[in-house]
Amino acid sequence: MAITDAHATAVEYREVAGASDAANDVVIDRDLKSVSRWLEHKLGQFFNVDASDVARIYIPVQAAKLWIDPLSAAPTTIKIDEDNDGSFADDTALASTDFEMRPLNVDKGPEPGPFTHLVLTDWGTKSSWKNLRVEITGKWGWPAVPEAIKDATIEFTRLWRMETPRATTRITEMDQVIGMSRSAHEMLKEIMGRYKVY
């Protein structure tokens, strides 16, 4: 799934809602995308993964550690703009022994997650990248949408569409939920406690 996709499909939505008619799938897909973007805004991160490699640029403030956006797997390349000329064309990609992805083993599960930072290794050839531009190319996002995020996307879409008992009255807009039941509030609190990035 690309980062712009919804966290769940209309088919998955209909399975939960107990509906078999696919006539409204276009509207359901649109609502699922809206709720997916809303959840990402609330949680401070995205959960899908880029369809192809994307280059992002960072400027580390620490000598050997660099915090990054969620990265689904080891990057394709990392380059440091060592001559500080604003271009990476004349820079050599780091060897895999020059850096380490962290947290260690986050990709192993039981719920595989993304890498969130890199460190330069003591055994590598680089000792610092502080205040230098670093270009990281890879597939950003989570390796797979967590089941809890998929479930929350479906449930909040059902709430948005007034197709669940949790929708006790009405909703004026995604960020201003009016009359949301206590169980819906608790669900949002649990999701934020587990997945929110501060």
N, C-alpha and C. Protein backbone atom coordinates (compact mmCIF):
# COMPACT_ATOMS: atom_id res chain seq x y z
N MET A 1 0.83 -1.19 0.00
CA MET A 1 0.00 0.00 0.00
C MET A 1 0.88 1.25 0.00
N ALA A 2 0.49 2.23 -0.78
CA ALA A 2 1.20 3.50 -0.77
C ALA A 2 0.77 4.31 0.45
N ILE A 3 1.59 5.28 0.81
CA ILE A 3 1.30 6.08 2.00
C ILE A 3 -0.01 6.84 1.87
N THR A 4 -0.44 7.13 0.65
CA THR A 4 -1.70 7.85 0.46
C THR A 4 -2.92 6.95 0.51
N ASP A 5 -2.74 5.64 0.62
CA ASP A 5 -3.86 4.71 0.69
C ASP A 5 -4.51 4.74 2.07
N ALA A 6 -5.73 4.22 2.14
CA ALA A 6 -6.39 4.06 3.43
C ALA A 6 -5.77 2.90 4.19
N HIS A 7 -5.99 2.87 5.50
CA HIS A 7 -5.47 1.78 6.33
C HIS A 7 -6.29 0.50 6.22
N ALA A 8 -7.44 0.59 5.58
CA ALA A 8 -8.31 -0.57 5.40
C ALA A 8 -9.04 -0.41 4.07
N THR A 9 -9.59 -1.50 3.58
CA THR A 9 -10.31 -1.48 2.30
C THR A 9 -11.81 -1.47 2.53
N ALA A 10 -12.53 -1.13 1.49
CA ALA A 10 -13.99 -1.15 1.57
C ALA A 10 -14.50 -2.56 1.84
N VAL A 11 -13.83 -3.57 1.28
CA VAL A 11 -14.23 -4.96 1.52
C VAL A 11 -14.08 -5.30 3.00
N GLU A 12 -12.95 -4.90 3.61
CA GLU A 12 -12.75 -5.14 5.04
C GLU A 12 -13.79 -4.39 5.87
N TYR A 13 -14.09 -3.17 5.45
CA TYR A 13 -15.11 -2.38 6.14
C TYR A 13 -16.45 -3.10 6.11
N ARG A 14 -16.84 -3.58 4.92
CA ARG A 14 -18.14 -4.24 4.79
C ARG A 14 -18.20 -5.54 5.59
N GLU A 15 -17.07 -6.23 5.71
CA GLU A 15 -17.03 -7.46 6.52
C GLU A 15 -17.37 -7.15 7.98
N VAL A 16 -16.81 -6.06 8.49
CA VAL A 16 -17.07 -5.68 9.88
C VAL A 16 -18.49 -5.15 10.04
N ALA A 17 -18.93 -4.35 9.05
CA ALA A 17 -20.25 -3.74 9.13
C ALA A 17 -21.37 -4.72 8.81
N GLY A 18 -21.03 -5.90 8.31
CA GLY A 18 -22.03 -6.89 7.98
C GLY A 18 -22.83 -6.53 6.74
N ALA A 19 -22.17 -5.85 5.79
CA ALA A 19 -22.84 -5.44 4.55
C ALA A 19 -22.22 -6.18 3.37
N SER A 20 -23.06 -6.58 2.44
CA SER A 20 -22.55 -7.30 1.27
C SER A 20 -22.65 -6.49 -0.01
N ASP A 21 -23.39 -5.40 0.02
CA ASP A 21 -23.60 -4.57 -1.18
C ASP A 21 -22.38 -3.69 -1.43
N ALA A 22 -21.74 -3.88 -2.58
CA ALA A 22 -20.53 -3.12 -2.92
C ALA A 22 -20.85 -1.80 -3.61
N ALA A 23 -22.13 -1.44 -3.69
CA ALA A 23 -22.53 -0.24 -4.44
C ALA A 23 -21.93 1.04 -3.86
N ASN A 24 -21.69 1.06 -2.55
CA ASN A 24 -21.17 2.27 -1.90
C ASN A 24 -19.65 2.25 -1.69
N ASP A 25 -18.96 1.30 -2.32
CA ASP A 25 -17.52 1.15 -2.06
C ASP A 25 -16.71 2.40 -2.39
N VAL A 26 -17.07 3.14 -3.42
CA VAL A 26 -16.32 4.35 -3.77
C VAL A 26 -16.40 5.36 -2.63
N VAL A 27 -17.58 5.54 -2.07
CA VAL A 27 -17.76 6.48 -0.95
C VAL A 27 -17.08 5.94 0.30
N ILE A 28 -17.22 4.65 0.55
CA ILE A 28 -16.56 4.05 1.72
C ILE A 28 -15.05 4.21 1.62
N ASP A 29 -14.49 3.96 0.44
CA ASP A 29 -13.04 4.13 0.26
C ASP A 29 -12.61 5.56 0.56
N ARG A 30 -13.39 6.52 0.09
CA ARG A 30 -13.07 7.92 0.35
C ARG A 30 -13.11 8.23 1.85
N ASP A 31 -14.14 7.71 2.53
CA ASP A 31 -14.25 7.93 3.98
C ASP A 31 -13.12 7.25 4.74
N LEU A 32 -12.75 6.04 4.31
CA LEU A 32 -11.62 5.34 4.94
C LEU A 32 -10.33 6.13 4.79
N LYS A 33 -10.11 6.74 3.63
CA LYS A 33 -8.92 7.57 3.43
C LYS A 33 -8.94 8.79 4.34
N SER A 34 -10.11 9.43 4.45
CA SER A 34 -10.22 10.61 5.32
C SER A 34 -9.91 10.25 6.77
N VAL A 35 -10.47 9.14 7.23
CA VAL A 35 -10.23 8.71 8.61
C VAL A 35 -8.78 8.30 8.80
N SER A 36 -8.18 7.67 7.79
CA SER A 36 -6.77 7.28 7.87
C SER A 36 -5.88 8.50 8.06
N ARG A 37 -6.15 9.56 7.27
CA ARG A 37 -5.35 10.78 7.40
C ARG A 37 -5.58 11.45 8.76
N TRP A 38 -6.83 11.40 9.24
CA TRP A 38 -7.16 11.97 10.55
C TRP A 38 -6.41 11.23 11.66
N LEU A 39 -6.42 9.90 11.59
CA LEU A 39 -5.70 9.11 12.60
C LEU A 39 -4.20 9.42 12.56
N GLU A 40 -3.65 9.53 11.36
CA GLU A 40 -2.22 9.86 11.24
C GLU A 40 -1.92 11.22 11.86
N HIS A 41 -2.80 12.17 11.64
CA HIS A 41 -2.63 13.50 12.23
C HIS A 41 -2.67 13.41 13.76
N LYS A 42 -3.64 12.67 14.28
CA LYS A 42 -3.78 12.50 15.72
C LYS A 42 -2.58 11.79 16.34
N LEU A 43 -2.04 10.80 15.63
CA LEU A 43 -0.99 9.95 16.18
C LEU A 43 0.42 10.42 15.81
N GLY A 44 0.53 11.34 14.88
CA GLY A 44 1.85 11.89 14.54
C GLY A 44 2.72 10.98 13.70
N GLN A 45 2.11 10.01 13.03
CA GLN A 45 2.89 9.14 12.14
C GLN A 45 1.96 8.46 11.14
N PHE A 46 2.55 7.93 10.07
CA PHE A 46 1.77 7.23 9.06
C PHE A 46 2.07 5.75 9.12
N PHE A 47 1.15 4.92 8.66
CA PHE A 47 1.25 3.48 8.88
C PHE A 47 1.37 2.66 7.61
N ASN A 48 1.10 3.25 6.46
CA ASN A 48 1.30 2.53 5.20
C ASN A 48 2.77 2.64 4.83
N VAL A 49 3.13 2.13 3.67
CA VAL A 49 4.53 2.16 3.24
C VAL A 49 4.61 2.68 1.82
N ASP A 50 5.69 3.39 1.51
CA ASP A 50 5.89 3.88 0.15
C ASP A 50 5.91 2.73 -0.84
N ALA A 51 5.34 2.95 -2.01
CA ALA A 51 5.33 1.93 -3.06
C ALA A 51 6.71 1.76 -3.68
N SER A 52 7.52 2.81 -3.65
CA SER A 52 8.89 2.74 -4.19
C SER A 52 9.79 3.63 -3.33
N ASP A 53 11.09 3.53 -3.56
CA ASP A 53 12.05 4.29 -2.75
C ASP A 53 11.83 5.79 -2.87
N VAL A 54 11.99 6.46 -1.73
CA VAL A 54 11.89 7.92 -1.65
C VAL A 54 13.10 8.43 -0.89
N ALA A 55 13.72 9.50 -1.37
CA ALA A 55 14.87 10.11 -0.69
C ALA A 55 14.37 11.21 0.24
N ARG A 56 14.80 11.17 1.50
CA ARG A 56 14.49 12.22 2.47
C ARG A 56 15.80 12.75 3.03
N ILE A 57 15.79 14.01 3.38
CA ILE A 57 17.01 14.67 3.87
C ILE A 57 16.82 15.09 5.32
N TYR A 58 17.84 14.83 6.13
CA TYR A 58 17.84 15.17 7.55
C TYR A 58 19.13 15.91 7.89
N ILE A 59 19.09 16.67 8.98
CA ILE A 59 20.29 17.32 9.51
C ILE A 59 20.41 16.90 10.96
N PRO A 60 21.29 15.94 11.26
CA PRO A 60 21.44 15.45 12.63
C PRO A 60 21.97 16.53 13.58
N VAL A 61 21.47 16.50 14.79
CA VAL A 61 21.97 17.43 15.82
C VAL A 61 22.90 16.71 16.79
N GLN A 62 23.03 15.40 16.63
CA GLN A 62 23.95 14.62 17.46
C GLN A 62 25.03 14.02 16.56
N ALA A 63 26.18 13.76 17.16
CA ALA A 63 27.32 13.27 16.38
C ALA A 63 27.06 11.91 15.75
N ALA A 64 26.44 11.00 16.48
CA ALA A 64 26.34 9.63 15.99
C ALA A 64 24.93 9.08 15.94
N LYS A 65 23.91 9.87 16.32
CA LYS A 65 22.52 9.39 16.31
C LYS A 65 21.68 10.30 15.44
N LEU A 66 20.74 9.71 14.71
CA LEU A 66 19.85 10.47 13.85
C LEU A 66 18.43 9.92 13.96
N TRP A 67 17.50 10.75 14.44
CA TRP A 67 16.10 10.36 14.50
C TRP A 67 15.47 10.61 13.14
N ILE A 68 14.68 9.65 12.67
CA ILE A 68 14.09 9.73 11.33
C ILE A 68 12.59 9.43 11.39
N ASP A 69 11.92 9.68 10.28
CA ASP A 69 10.53 9.25 10.14
C ASP A 69 10.52 7.72 10.12
N PRO A 70 9.36 7.10 10.38
CA PRO A 70 9.31 5.63 10.35
C PRO A 70 9.80 5.08 9.01
N LEU A 71 10.72 4.13 9.09
CA LEU A 71 11.32 3.51 7.90
C LEU A 71 11.03 2.02 7.96
N SER A 72 10.40 1.49 6.92
CA SER A 72 9.87 0.12 6.96
C SER A 72 10.95 -0.96 6.95
N ALA A 73 12.09 -0.67 6.36
CA ALA A 73 13.17 -1.66 6.26
C ALA A 73 14.50 -0.90 6.13
N ALA A 74 15.58 -1.65 6.10
CA ALA A 74 16.89 -1.01 5.93
C ALA A 74 16.88 -0.14 4.67
N PRO A 75 17.51 1.01 4.72
CA PRO A 75 17.50 1.92 3.56
C PRO A 75 18.29 1.38 2.39
N THR A 76 17.95 1.85 1.20
CA THR A 76 18.69 1.49 0.00
C THR A 76 20.06 2.16 0.01
N THR A 77 20.08 3.45 0.33
CA THR A 77 21.35 4.19 0.44
C THR A 77 21.25 5.26 1.51
N ILE A 78 22.41 5.56 2.09
CA ILE A 78 22.56 6.72 2.99
C ILE A 78 23.79 7.47 2.52
N LYS A 79 23.63 8.76 2.31
CA LYS A 79 24.76 9.60 1.90
C LYS A 79 24.86 10.80 2.82
N ILE A 80 26.09 11.20 3.12
CA ILE A 80 26.35 12.40 3.93
C ILE A 80 26.95 13.45 3.00
N ASP A 81 26.41 14.64 3.04
CA ASP A 81 26.94 15.76 2.24
C ASP A 81 28.18 16.30 2.97
N GLU A 82 29.27 15.55 2.86
CA GLU A 82 30.46 15.84 3.67
C GLU A 82 31.15 17.15 3.29
N ASP A 83 31.05 17.56 2.03
CA ASP A 83 31.67 18.83 1.65
C ASP A 83 30.69 20.00 1.75
N ASN A 84 29.49 19.70 2.24
CA ASN A 84 28.48 20.72 2.52
C ASN A 84 28.21 21.63 1.31
N ASP A 85 28.08 21.00 0.14
CA ASP A 85 27.84 21.78 -1.08
C ASP A 85 26.39 21.71 -1.55
N GLY A 86 25.52 21.08 -0.74
CA GLY A 86 24.11 21.02 -1.08
C GLY A 86 23.76 19.93 -2.08
N SER A 87 24.72 19.10 -2.44
CA SER A 87 24.49 18.03 -3.41
C SER A 87 25.04 16.72 -2.87
N PHE A 88 24.34 15.64 -3.18
CA PHE A 88 24.80 14.30 -2.79
C PHE A 88 25.41 13.55 -3.97
N ALA A 89 25.45 14.19 -5.13
CA ALA A 89 25.94 13.52 -6.34
C ALA A 89 27.41 13.13 -6.23
N ASP A 90 28.19 13.91 -5.49
CA ASP A 90 29.63 13.63 -5.36
C ASP A 90 29.97 12.89 -4.08
N ASP A 91 28.95 12.40 -3.36
CA ASP A 91 29.19 11.70 -2.10
C ASP A 91 28.96 10.20 -2.26
N THR A 92 29.76 9.43 -1.55
CA THR A 92 29.68 7.97 -1.62
C THR A 92 28.70 7.46 -0.57
N ALA A 93 27.90 6.49 -0.94
CA ALA A 93 26.95 5.90 0.01
C ALA A 93 27.69 5.19 1.13
N LEU A 94 27.14 5.26 2.33
CA LEU A 94 27.73 4.58 3.48
C LEU A 94 27.66 3.07 3.27
N ALA A 95 28.65 2.37 3.79
CA ALA A 95 28.62 0.91 3.79
C ALA A 95 27.66 0.46 4.90
N SER A 96 27.14 -0.74 4.77
CA SER A 96 26.20 -1.24 5.77
C SER A 96 26.84 -1.39 7.14
N THR A 97 28.16 -1.43 7.19
CA THR A 97 28.86 -1.53 8.48
C THR A 97 29.06 -0.17 9.14
N ASP A 98 28.74 0.90 8.42
CA ASP A 98 28.94 2.25 8.98
C ASP A 98 27.81 2.69 9.90
N PHE A 99 26.65 2.05 9.80
CA PHE A 99 25.50 2.48 10.59
C PHE A 99 24.71 1.27 11.07
N GLU A 100 23.86 1.51 12.05
CA GLU A 100 22.99 0.46 12.57
C GLU A 100 21.58 1.04 12.71
N MET A 101 20.60 0.26 12.28
CA MET A 101 19.20 0.68 12.39
C MET A 101 18.68 0.36 13.80
N ARG A 102 17.91 1.28 14.36
CA ARG A 102 17.34 1.09 15.68
C ARG A 102 15.85 1.40 15.66
N PRO A 103 15.05 0.85 16.57
CA PRO A 103 15.44 -0.11 17.58
C PRO A 103 15.83 -1.45 16.96
N LEU A 104 16.77 -2.10 17.61
CA LEU A 104 17.20 -3.41 17.15
C LEU A 104 16.02 -4.38 17.21
N ASN A 105 15.89 -5.21 16.22
CA ASN A 105 14.88 -6.28 16.17
C ASN A 105 13.44 -5.81 16.05
N VAL A 106 13.22 -4.51 15.80
CA VAL A 106 11.84 -4.02 15.70
C VAL A 106 11.11 -4.64 14.51
N ASP A 107 11.86 -5.06 13.52
CA ASP A 107 11.26 -5.66 12.32
C ASP A 107 10.88 -7.13 12.51
N LYS A 108 11.23 -7.70 13.66
CA LYS A 108 11.00 -9.13 13.89
C LYS A 108 9.62 -9.45 14.45
N GLY A 109 8.95 -8.48 15.05
CA GLY A 109 7.62 -8.75 15.59
C GLY A 109 7.66 -9.10 17.07
N PRO A 110 6.54 -9.50 17.65
CA PRO A 110 5.38 -10.11 17.00
C PRO A 110 4.58 -9.14 16.11
N GLU A 111 4.62 -7.85 16.38
CA GLU A 111 4.04 -6.87 15.47
C GLU A 111 5.21 -6.09 14.87
N PRO A 112 5.64 -6.45 13.67
CA PRO A 112 6.79 -5.75 13.09
C PRO A 112 6.53 -4.25 12.99
N GLY A 113 7.51 -3.49 13.43
CA GLY A 113 7.38 -2.04 13.40
C GLY A 113 8.49 -1.41 12.58
N PRO A 114 8.47 -0.09 12.48
CA PRO A 114 9.47 0.61 11.67
C PRO A 114 10.72 0.97 12.48
N PHE A 115 11.79 1.22 11.75
CA PHE A 115 12.98 1.79 12.38
C PHE A 115 12.74 3.28 12.58
N THR A 116 13.21 3.82 13.70
CA THR A 116 12.97 5.23 14.02
C THR A 116 14.24 6.06 14.15
N HIS A 117 15.39 5.41 14.24
CA HIS A 117 16.63 6.16 14.28
C HIS A 117 17.81 5.30 13.84
N LEU A 118 18.89 5.97 13.50
CA LEU A 118 20.12 5.31 13.08
C LEU A 118 21.26 5.79 13.97
N VAL A 119 22.24 4.93 14.14
CA VAL A 119 23.46 5.33 14.85
C VAL A 119 24.67 4.94 14.01
N LEU A 120 25.67 5.76 14.06
CA LEU A 120 26.94 5.40 13.43
C LEU A 120 27.63 4.39 14.32
N THR A 121 28.21 3.36 13.73
CA THR A 121 28.82 2.29 14.53
C THR A 121 30.26 2.64 14.91
N ASP A 122 30.69 2.06 16.01
CA ASP A 122 32.09 2.24 16.46
C ASP A 122 33.05 1.56 15.49
N TRP A 123 32.57 0.54 14.79
CA TRP A 123 33.44 -0.22 13.89
C TRP A 123 33.38 0.28 12.44
N GLY A 124 32.59 1.31 12.19
CA GLY A 124 32.47 1.85 10.83
C GLY A 124 33.52 2.92 10.54
N THR A 125 33.41 3.52 9.36
CA THR A 125 34.40 4.51 8.92
C THR A 125 34.00 5.95 9.23
N LYS A 126 32.78 6.17 9.73
CA LYS A 126 32.29 7.52 10.02
C LYS A 126 32.15 7.71 11.52
N SER A 127 32.56 8.88 11.99
CA SER A 127 32.46 9.14 13.43
C SER A 127 31.42 10.21 13.76
N SER A 128 31.06 11.04 12.78
CA SER A 128 30.08 12.09 13.06
C SER A 128 29.41 12.56 11.77
N TRP A 129 28.15 12.92 11.90
CA TRP A 129 27.42 13.56 10.81
C TRP A 129 26.69 14.80 11.32
N LYS A 130 27.06 15.25 12.51
CA LYS A 130 26.40 16.40 13.14
C LYS A 130 26.42 17.62 12.24
N ASN A 131 25.24 18.24 12.08
CA ASN A 131 25.05 19.47 11.31
C ASN A 131 25.33 19.32 9.81
N LEU A 132 25.48 18.09 9.34
CA LEU A 132 25.64 17.86 7.90
C LEU A 132 24.33 17.28 7.35
N ARG A 133 24.04 17.59 6.12
CA ARG A 133 22.84 17.03 5.49
C ARG A 133 23.06 15.54 5.21
N VAL A 134 22.06 14.74 5.57
CA VAL A 134 22.11 13.30 5.36
C VAL A 134 20.90 12.91 4.50
N GLU A 135 21.18 12.24 3.39
CA GLU A 135 20.11 11.78 2.50
C GLU A 135 19.91 10.28 2.70
N ILE A 136 18.69 9.92 3.06
CA ILE A 136 18.34 8.51 3.28
C ILE A 136 17.30 8.13 2.24
N THR A 137 17.59 7.09 1.47
CA THR A 137 16.67 6.62 0.44
C THR A 137 16.15 5.24 0.83
N GLY A 138 14.84 5.11 0.86
CA GLY A 138 14.23 3.84 1.24
C GLY A 138 12.73 3.92 1.17
N LYS A 139 12.08 2.89 1.65
CA LYS A 139 10.62 2.85 1.69
C LYS A 139 10.15 3.23 3.09
N TRP A 140 9.54 4.38 3.19
CA TRP A 140 9.14 4.94 4.47
C TRP A 140 7.78 4.41 4.89
N GLY A 141 7.57 4.34 6.19
CA GLY A 141 6.31 3.88 6.74
C GLY A 141 6.50 2.61 7.56
N TRP A 142 5.40 1.95 7.85
CA TRP A 142 5.43 0.70 8.61
C TRP A 142 5.52 -0.47 7.64
N PRO A 143 6.13 -1.59 8.05
CA PRO A 143 6.18 -2.76 7.17
C PRO A 143 4.79 -3.23 6.77
N ALA A 144 3.84 -3.13 7.68
CA ALA A 144 2.44 -3.46 7.41
C ALA A 144 1.59 -2.64 8.37
N VAL A 145 0.38 -2.31 7.96
CA VAL A 145 -0.51 -1.56 8.84
C VAL A 145 -0.84 -2.43 10.05
N PRO A 146 -0.60 -1.94 11.27
CA PRO A 146 -0.94 -2.73 12.45
C PRO A 146 -2.44 -3.05 12.48
N GLU A 147 -2.77 -4.24 12.94
CA GLU A 147 -4.17 -4.65 13.00
C GLU A 147 -5.01 -3.68 13.83
N ALA A 148 -4.45 -3.17 14.91
CA ALA A 148 -5.19 -2.23 15.76
C ALA A 148 -5.52 -0.94 15.00
N ILE A 149 -4.60 -0.49 14.15
CA ILE A 149 -4.84 0.72 13.36
C ILE A 149 -5.89 0.44 12.29
N LYS A 150 -5.82 -0.73 11.68
CA LYS A 150 -6.83 -1.11 10.68
C LYS A 150 -8.21 -1.17 11.34
N ASP A 151 -8.29 -1.81 12.51
CA ASP A 151 -9.57 -1.90 13.22
C ASP A 151 -10.09 -0.53 13.61
N ALA A 152 -9.20 0.33 14.11
CA ALA A 152 -9.60 1.68 14.52
C ALA A 152 -10.08 2.49 13.32
N THR A 153 -9.41 2.34 12.17
CA THR A 153 -9.83 3.05 10.96
C THR A 153 -11.24 2.64 10.57
N ILE A 154 -11.52 1.35 10.62
CA ILE A 154 -12.85 0.86 10.28
C ILE A 154 -13.89 1.37 11.28
N GLU A 155 -13.56 1.26 12.57
CA GLU A 155 -14.53 1.67 13.60
C GLU A 155 -14.81 3.16 13.56
N PHE A 156 -13.77 3.98 13.37
CA PHE A 156 -14.01 5.43 13.32
C PHE A 156 -14.70 5.83 12.01
N THR A 157 -14.49 5.05 10.96
CA THR A 157 -15.23 5.31 9.72
C THR A 157 -16.70 4.95 9.91
N ARG A 158 -16.97 3.87 10.61
CA ARG A 158 -18.36 3.52 10.92
C ARG A 158 -19.00 4.61 11.79
N LEU A 159 -18.23 5.15 12.71
CA LEU A 159 -18.71 6.24 13.55
C LEU A 159 -19.00 7.47 12.69
N TRP A 160 -18.07 7.79 11.80
CA TRP A 160 -18.22 8.92 10.88
C TRP A 160 -19.47 8.76 10.02
N ARG A 161 -19.71 7.54 9.57
CA ARG A 161 -20.85 7.26 8.69
C ARG A 161 -22.14 6.96 9.47
N MET A 162 -22.08 7.04 10.80
CA MET A 162 -23.23 6.77 11.66
C MET A 162 -23.74 5.35 11.45
N GLU A 163 -22.82 4.38 11.32
CA GLU A 163 -23.18 2.99 11.08
C GLU A 163 -22.70 2.08 12.21
N THR A 164 -22.69 2.63 13.43
CA THR A 164 -22.28 1.85 14.59
C THR A 164 -23.02 2.35 15.83
N PRO A 165 -23.28 1.49 16.80
CA PRO A 165 -23.91 1.95 18.05
C PRO A 165 -23.06 2.97 18.80
N ARG A 166 -21.75 3.02 18.51
CA ARG A 166 -20.89 4.00 19.19
C ARG A 166 -21.23 5.43 18.77
N ALA A 167 -21.86 5.61 17.61
CA ALA A 167 -22.24 6.94 17.14
C ALA A 167 -23.56 7.30 17.81
N THR A 168 -23.47 7.88 19.00
CA THR A 168 -24.68 8.09 19.79
C THR A 168 -25.50 9.27 19.30
N THR A 169 -24.88 10.29 18.71
CA THR A 169 -25.66 11.39 18.16
C THR A 169 -25.16 11.76 16.78
N ARG A 170 -24.25 12.71 16.68
CA ARG A 170 -23.81 13.15 15.36
C ARG A 170 -22.35 13.58 15.42
N ILE A 171 -21.77 13.77 14.25
CA ILE A 171 -20.40 14.23 14.15
C ILE A 171 -20.39 15.43 13.22
N THR A 172 -19.82 16.54 13.65
CA THR A 172 -19.79 17.72 12.79
C THR A 172 -18.60 17.70 11.84
N GLU A 173 -17.47 17.22 12.31
CA GLU A 173 -16.29 17.07 11.47
C GLU A 173 -15.38 16.07 12.17
N MET A 174 -14.37 15.55 11.47
CA MET A 174 -13.58 14.45 12.04
C MET A 174 -12.94 14.82 13.37
N ASP A 175 -12.53 16.07 13.54
CA ASP A 175 -11.81 16.41 14.77
C ASP A 175 -12.75 16.87 15.88
N GLN A 176 -14.01 17.04 15.58
CA GLN A 176 -14.98 17.47 16.58
C GLN A 176 -16.08 16.43 16.67
N VAL A 177 -15.82 15.38 17.40
CA VAL A 177 -16.79 14.29 17.51
C VAL A 177 -17.81 14.66 18.58
N ILE A 178 -19.07 14.73 18.17
CA ILE A 178 -20.14 15.13 19.08
C ILE A 178 -20.91 13.89 19.52
N GLY A 179 -21.00 13.69 20.82
CA GLY A 179 -21.80 12.59 21.32
C GLY A 179 -21.19 11.23 21.08
N MET A 180 -19.87 11.14 20.98
CA MET A 180 -19.23 9.85 20.79
C MET A 180 -19.34 9.07 22.10
N SER A 181 -19.66 7.82 22.00
CA SER A 181 -19.86 7.02 23.20
C SER A 181 -18.55 6.86 23.99
N ARG A 182 -18.71 6.46 25.25
CA ARG A 182 -17.56 6.25 26.11
C ARG A 182 -16.62 5.19 25.54
N SER A 183 -17.18 4.11 24.95
CA SER A 183 -16.33 3.05 24.40
C SER A 183 -15.50 3.57 23.22
N ALA A 184 -16.05 4.48 22.41
CA ALA A 184 -15.28 5.06 21.31
C ALA A 184 -14.16 5.94 21.84
N HIS A 185 -14.45 6.72 22.90
CA HIS A 185 -13.40 7.54 23.53
C HIS A 185 -12.29 6.65 24.07
N GLU A 186 -12.67 5.55 24.72
CA GLU A 186 -11.68 4.64 25.27
C GLU A 186 -10.83 4.01 24.18
N MET A 187 -11.46 3.66 23.05
CA MET A 187 -10.72 3.08 21.95
C MET A 187 -9.68 4.07 21.42
N LEU A 188 -10.06 5.34 21.25
CA LEU A 188 -9.13 6.35 20.77
C LEU A 188 -7.99 6.54 21.77
N LYS A 189 -8.31 6.53 23.06
CA LYS A 189 -7.29 6.71 24.09
C LYS A 189 -6.28 5.56 24.06
N GLU A 190 -6.77 4.33 23.89
CA GLU A 190 -5.87 3.17 23.83
C GLU A 190 -4.97 3.22 22.61
N ILE A 191 -5.54 3.57 21.46
CA ILE A 191 -4.75 3.67 20.23
C ILE A 191 -3.68 4.74 20.38
N MET A 192 -4.05 5.89 20.96
CA MET A 192 -3.08 6.98 21.14
C MET A 192 -1.99 6.58 22.12
N GLY A 193 -2.38 5.83 23.17
CA GLY A 193 -1.37 5.40 24.14
C GLY A 193 -0.35 4.46 23.53
N ARG A 194 -0.76 3.67 22.57
CA ARG A 194 0.15 2.69 21.95
C ARG A 194 0.93 3.26 20.78
N TYR A 195 0.30 4.11 19.95
CA TYR A 195 0.91 4.48 18.67
C TYR A 195 1.26 5.96 18.52
N LYS A 196 0.86 6.82 19.45
CA LYS A 196 1.13 8.24 19.27
C LYS A 196 2.62 8.54 19.42
N VAL A 197 3.11 9.39 18.52
CA VAL A 197 4.49 9.86 18.57
C VAL A 197 4.47 11.29 19.07
N TYR A 198 5.20 11.56 20.15
CA TYR A 198 5.22 12.90 20.72
C TYR A 198 6.45 13.66 20.27
